[in-house]
Protein backbone atom coordinates (compact mmCIF):
# COMPACT_ATOMS: atom_id res chain seq x y z
CA MET A 1 92.41 86.77 125.15
CA ARG A 2 89.44 88.87 126.81
CA HIS A 3 91.52 91.97 126.41
CA TYR A 4 92.41 91.56 122.91
CA ALA A 5 88.52 92.58 122.97
CA ILE A 6 88.72 95.20 124.54
CA LEU A 7 92.03 97.18 123.12
CA ARG A 8 89.72 96.56 119.78
CA ILE A 9 87.15 98.37 121.18
CA LEU A 10 89.11 101.09 122.99
CA LEU A 11 90.64 101.56 119.33
CA ALA A 12 87.09 102.23 118.28
CA ALA A 13 86.60 104.72 120.38
CA PHE A 14 89.87 106.39 120.25
CA PHE A 15 89.07 106.21 115.76
CA LEU A 16 85.47 107.85 116.88
CA TYR A 17 86.98 110.71 119.21
CA PHE A 18 88.97 112.07 116.13
CA ALA A 19 86.24 111.45 113.36
CA TRP A 20 83.14 112.64 115.21
CA PRO A 21 83.75 116.01 114.86
CA LEU A 22 84.19 116.03 110.96
CA ILE A 23 81.09 114.12 110.30
CA PRO A 24 78.50 116.97 110.72
CA LYS A 25 80.87 118.43 107.98
CA ALA A 26 80.08 116.15 105.86
CA GLU A 27 78.23 117.91 102.53
CA THR A 28 78.37 116.07 99.24
CA GLN A 29 76.99 113.08 98.95
CA ILE A 30 80.24 111.14 98.52
CA GLU A 31 81.19 112.74 102.07
CA MET A 32 77.78 111.38 103.64
CA LEU A 33 78.22 107.81 102.23
CA PHE A 34 82.37 107.53 103.59
CA TRP A 35 81.19 108.81 106.55
CA GLY A 36 77.69 106.26 106.87
CA SER A 37 79.89 103.52 105.69
CA TRP A 38 82.53 104.39 107.69
CA MET A 39 79.83 103.95 110.83
CA VAL A 40 78.24 101.11 109.49
CA PHE A 41 81.87 98.81 109.79
CA LEU A 42 82.34 100.65 113.03
CA LEU A 43 79.73 99.23 114.86
CA LEU A 44 79.66 96.19 113.71
CA VAL A 45 83.87 95.80 114.84
CA ILE A 46 82.06 96.80 118.36
CA GLY A 47 79.52 94.63 118.29
CA ALA A 48 81.55 91.63 117.32
CA ASN A 49 84.68 92.70 120.32
CA PHE A 50 81.13 92.79 122.49
CA ALA A 51 79.96 89.74 121.22
CA THR A 52 83.34 87.89 121.71
CA LEU A 53 83.23 89.38 125.47
CA LEU A 54 80.36 88.37 126.16
CA LYS A 55 81.00 84.20 124.62
CA LEU A 56 78.11 84.93 122.31
CA ALA A 57 80.66 83.98 119.73
CA ASP A 58 83.70 82.43 119.26
CA PRO A 59 87.25 84.44 119.77
CA PRO A 60 89.57 84.61 116.52
CA VAL A 61 90.94 80.65 115.65
CA MET A 62 94.77 83.22 116.55
CA GLU A 63 93.22 83.46 119.62
CA GLN A 64 92.09 80.50 120.85
CA GLU A 65 93.74 78.77 123.20
CA TYR A 66 94.01 75.55 122.79
CA ASP A 67 94.63 72.20 126.20
CA LYS A 68 98.44 70.89 125.50
CA GLN A 69 97.52 67.18 125.61
CA ARG A 70 100.23 64.68 125.45
CA GLN A 71 99.88 62.80 122.64
CA THR A 72 100.78 58.77 122.73
CA ASP A 73 100.84 55.58 120.33
CA SER A 74 97.98 53.34 120.70
C-alpha cells in the first residue's frame, strides 16, 4: 500500500503550496507560533510517510497486508 504514502506526501505538498505565500506575512507572535507548529507537523507527516516508503517503519495497521492462511482444527 505504498500508494497511500505517496498520496499523503502529495497532499502535504499541496497544503504547503497554498500556505507558503502566507507564512512570510506573519507579523504577530501568535501567527509565528501557529506557522512554526504547522511546519513542524508538516515535516512530521512527510517524514513518517517517507519512512513508510523506504520501509524504515511498518505501515499503519489498517494498511498492513496479511497473508490469508487456511485454519484447520488440530
